[in-house]
């Protein structure tokens, strides 16, 4: 039996979902690691002006939040409960799906699907 990390266990127990995308992301990554997935995420960095930017080149803007790999490759864009996709994110999702990739947009209310996909 796999023991879930506390963050993922909280959602599995039906408790209040995290309000921030960062907290939700931590839950998804913890669950994925507990189930043997390798996870790639590219974190934003602080700018001198105090803002945030994720350094990417070429067409990288909008790339999905997570790439998860085990017996297959899964891409996931994570959103707050009412979060909306940016046009660049939607374009990447369409492109990846067209290329035959498995892509999901997950919100905290999708926790049962997250668990199913990452079984």
C-alpha atoms as a PDB file:
ATOM      1  CA  UNK A   1       0.000   0.000   0.000  1.00  0.00           C
ATOM      2  CA  UNK A   2       1.314   3.429  -0.943  1.00  0.00           C
ATOM      3  CA  UNK A   3       1.374   5.944   1.867  1.00  0.00           C
ATOM      4  CA  UNK A   4       0.459   9.369   0.547  1.00  0.00           C
ATOM      5  CA  UNK A   5       2.387  12.448   1.657  1.00  0.00           C
ATOM      6  CA  UNK A   6       0.451  14.676   4.028  1.00  0.00           C
ATOM      7  CA  UNK A   7      -0.312  17.268   1.326  1.00  0.00           C
ATOM      8  CA  UNK A   8      -1.843  14.692  -1.030  1.00  0.00           C
ATOM      9  CA  UNK A   9      -3.477  12.824   1.838  1.00  0.00           C
ATOM     10  CA  UNK A  10      -5.377  16.003   2.746  1.00  0.00           C
ATOM     11  CA  UNK A  11      -7.076  16.121  -0.653  1.00  0.00           C
ATOM     12  CA  UNK A  12      -7.659  12.365  -0.678  1.00  0.00           C
ATOM     13  CA  UNK A  13      -9.482  12.667   2.643  1.00  0.00           C
ATOM     14  CA  UNK A  14     -11.921  15.146   1.109  1.00  0.00           C
ATOM     15  CA  UNK A  15     -10.701  18.099   3.136  1.00  0.00           C
ATOM     16  CA  UNK A  16     -10.817  21.653   1.827  1.00  0.00           C
ATOM     17  CA  UNK A  17      -8.721  21.901  -1.347  1.00  0.00           C
ATOM     18  CA  UNK A  18      -5.768  24.279  -1.405  1.00  0.00           C
ATOM     19  CA  UNK A  19      -6.580  27.804  -2.463  1.00  0.00           C
ATOM     20  CA  UNK A  20      -3.329  28.615  -4.213  1.00  0.00           C
ATOM     21  CA  UNK A  21      -2.013  27.023  -7.361  1.00  0.00           C
ATOM     22  CA  UNK A  22       1.346  26.520  -5.607  1.00  0.00           C
ATOM     23  CA  UNK A  23      -0.256  24.470  -2.811  1.00  0.00           C
ATOM     24  CA  UNK A  24      -2.221  22.400  -5.313  1.00  0.00           C
ATOM     25  CA  UNK A  25       0.937  21.864  -7.339  1.00  0.00           C
ATOM     26  CA  UNK A  26       2.748  20.618  -4.227  1.00  0.00           C
ATOM     27  CA  UNK A  27      -0.064  18.098  -3.643  1.00  0.00           C
ATOM     28  CA  UNK A  28       0.118  16.816  -7.233  1.00  0.00           C
ATOM     29  CA  UNK A  29       3.922  16.530  -7.163  1.00  0.00           C
ATOM     30  CA  UNK A  30       3.860  14.755  -3.782  1.00  0.00           C
ATOM     31  CA  UNK A  31       1.285  12.258  -5.039  1.00  0.00           C
ATOM     32  CA  UNK A  32       3.239  11.672  -8.247  1.00  0.00           C
ATOM     33  CA  UNK A  33       6.476  11.050  -6.340  1.00  0.00           C
ATOM     34  CA  UNK A  34       4.717   8.710  -3.918  1.00  0.00           C
ATOM     35  CA  UNK A  35       3.519   6.684  -6.901  1.00  0.00           C
ATOM     36  CA  UNK A  36       6.895   6.510  -8.640  1.00  0.00           C
ATOM     37  CA  UNK A  37       6.574   9.276 -11.230  1.00  0.00           C
ATOM     38  CA  UNK A  38       9.447  11.558 -12.223  1.00  0.00           C
ATOM     39  CA  UNK A  39       8.294  15.176 -12.380  1.00  0.00           C
ATOM     40  CA  UNK A  40       9.694  18.217 -14.175  1.00  0.00           C
ATOM     41  CA  UNK A  41       8.585  21.716 -13.258  1.00  0.00           C
ATOM     42  CA  UNK A  42      10.278  24.965 -14.207  1.00  0.00           C
ATOM     43  CA  UNK A  43       9.995  27.523 -11.441  1.00  0.00           C
ATOM     44  CA  UNK A  44       9.720  31.248 -11.944  1.00  0.00           C
ATOM     45  CA  UNK A  45      12.520  33.504 -10.727  1.00  0.00           C
ATOM     46  CA  UNK A  46      12.411  36.916  -9.062  1.00  0.00           C
ATOM     47  CA  UNK A  47      13.303  39.865 -11.263  1.00  0.00           C
ATOM     48  CA  UNK A  48      15.322  42.873 -10.091  1.00  0.00           C
ATOM     49  CA  UNK A  49      12.093  44.886 -10.221  1.00  0.00           C
ATOM     50  CA  UNK A  50      10.460  42.471  -7.760  1.00  0.00           C
ATOM     51  CA  UNK A  51       8.235  40.660 -10.240  1.00  0.00           C
ATOM     52  CA  UNK A  52       8.307  37.042 -11.354  1.00  0.00           C
ATOM     53  CA  UNK A  53       9.339  35.495 -14.664  1.00  0.00           C
ATOM     54  CA  UNK A  54       9.941  31.960 -15.867  1.00  0.00           C
ATOM     55  CA  UNK A  55      12.950  32.137 -18.159  1.00  0.00           C
ATOM     56  CA  UNK A  56      12.097  30.383 -21.425  1.00  0.00           C
ATOM     57  CA  UNK A  57      13.327  30.682 -24.973  1.00  0.00           C
ATOM     58  CA  UNK A  58      11.742  30.292 -28.384  1.00  0.00           C
ATOM     59  CA  UNK A  59       8.083  29.237 -28.010  1.00  0.00           C
ATOM     60  CA  UNK A  60       8.281  28.245 -24.334  1.00  0.00           C
ATOM     61  CA  UNK A  61       5.729  30.734 -23.026  1.00  0.00           C
ATOM     62  CA  UNK A  62       2.635  28.826 -21.873  1.00  0.00           C
ATOM     63  CA  UNK A  63       4.390  25.434 -21.532  1.00  0.00           C
ATOM     64  CA  UNK A  64       2.444  23.156 -19.123  1.00  0.00           C
ATOM     65  CA  UNK A  65       3.270  23.347 -15.417  1.00  0.00           C
ATOM     66  CA  UNK A  66       4.269  19.703 -15.058  1.00  0.00           C
ATOM     67  CA  UNK A  67       5.728  16.948 -17.201  1.00  0.00           C
ATOM     68  CA  UNK A  68       5.278  13.594 -15.421  1.00  0.00           C
ATOM     69  CA  UNK A  69       6.994  10.451 -16.641  1.00  0.00           C
ATOM     70  CA  UNK A  70       6.732   6.806 -15.611  1.00  0.00           C
ATOM     71  CA  UNK A  71       5.498   4.246 -18.161  1.00  0.00           C
ATOM     72  CA  UNK A  72       4.160   7.140 -20.235  1.00  0.00           C
ATOM     73  CA  UNK A  73       4.561  10.894 -20.469  1.00  0.00           C
ATOM     74  CA  UNK A  74       1.787  13.097 -19.072  1.00  0.00           C
ATOM     75  CA  UNK A  75       1.589  16.886 -19.231  1.00  0.00           C
ATOM     76  CA  UNK A  76      -0.486  18.818 -16.702  1.00  0.00           C
ATOM     77  CA  UNK A  77      -1.496  22.448 -16.519  1.00  0.00           C
ATOM     78  CA  UNK A  78      -2.581  23.302 -12.985  1.00  0.00           C
ATOM     79  CA  UNK A  79      -5.060  26.036 -12.192  1.00  0.00           C
ATOM     80  CA  UNK A  80      -6.732  27.490  -9.143  1.00  0.00           C
ATOM     81  CA  UNK A  81     -10.362  26.490  -8.932  1.00  0.00           C
ATOM     82  CA  UNK A  82     -11.534  29.426 -11.057  1.00  0.00           C
ATOM     83  CA  UNK A  83      -8.298  29.977 -12.976  1.00  0.00           C
ATOM     84  CA  UNK A  84      -8.403  30.436 -16.740  1.00  0.00           C
ATOM     85  CA  UNK A  85      -5.950  29.300 -19.388  1.00  0.00           C
ATOM     86  CA  UNK A  86      -3.832  31.967 -21.060  1.00  0.00           C
ATOM     87  CA  UNK A  87      -3.921  31.864 -24.876  1.00  0.00           C
ATOM     88  CA  UNK A  88      -0.342  30.520 -24.955  1.00  0.00           C
ATOM     89  CA  UNK A  89      -1.269  27.719 -22.547  1.00  0.00           C
ATOM     90  CA  UNK A  90      -4.270  26.734 -24.651  1.00  0.00           C
ATOM     91  CA  UNK A  91      -2.088  26.736 -27.777  1.00  0.00           C
ATOM     92  CA  UNK A  92       0.465  24.392 -26.153  1.00  0.00           C
ATOM     93  CA  UNK A  93      -2.282  22.047 -24.963  1.00  0.00           C
ATOM     94  CA  UNK A  94      -3.742  21.857 -28.475  1.00  0.00           C
ATOM     95  CA  UNK A  95      -0.288  21.329 -30.025  1.00  0.00           C
ATOM     96  CA  UNK A  96       0.660  18.588 -27.570  1.00  0.00           C
ATOM     97  CA  UNK A  97      -2.673  16.808 -28.033  1.00  0.00           C
ATOM     98  CA  UNK A  98      -2.318  17.046 -31.806  1.00  0.00           C
ATOM     99  CA  UNK A  99       1.113  15.403 -31.404  1.00  0.00           C
ATOM    100  CA  UNK A 100      -0.573  12.507 -29.583  1.00  0.00           C
ATOM    101  CA  UNK A 101       0.452  13.495 -26.068  1.00  0.00           C
ATOM    102  CA  UNK A 102      -1.647  13.054 -22.925  1.00  0.00           C
ATOM    103  CA  UNK A 103      -2.448  16.509 -21.547  1.00  0.00           C
ATOM    104  CA  UNK A 104      -4.666  17.488 -18.615  1.00  0.00           C
ATOM    105  CA  UNK A 105      -5.870  20.743 -17.085  1.00  0.00           C
ATOM    106  CA  UNK A 106      -6.410  20.070 -13.387  1.00  0.00           C
ATOM    107  CA  UNK A 107      -8.048  22.107 -10.655  1.00  0.00           C
ATOM    108  CA  UNK A 108      -8.359  21.115  -6.980  1.00  0.00           C
ATOM    109  CA  UNK A 109     -11.873  19.788  -7.646  1.00  0.00           C
ATOM    110  CA  UNK A 110     -10.330  17.344 -10.154  1.00  0.00           C
ATOM    111  CA  UNK A 111      -8.437  15.468  -7.416  1.00  0.00           C
ATOM    112  CA  UNK A 112     -10.163  12.134  -8.147  1.00  0.00           C
ATOM    113  CA  UNK A 113      -9.017  12.396 -11.782  1.00  0.00           C
ATOM    114  CA  UNK A 114      -5.468  13.300 -10.679  1.00  0.00           C
ATOM    115  CA  UNK A 115      -5.410  10.149  -8.522  1.00  0.00           C
ATOM    116  CA  UNK A 116      -6.775   8.036 -11.387  1.00  0.00           C
ATOM    117  CA  UNK A 117      -4.265   9.337 -13.947  1.00  0.00           C
ATOM    118  CA  UNK A 118      -1.316   8.944 -11.567  1.00  0.00           C
ATOM    119  CA  UNK A 119      -2.248   5.407 -10.363  1.00  0.00           C
END
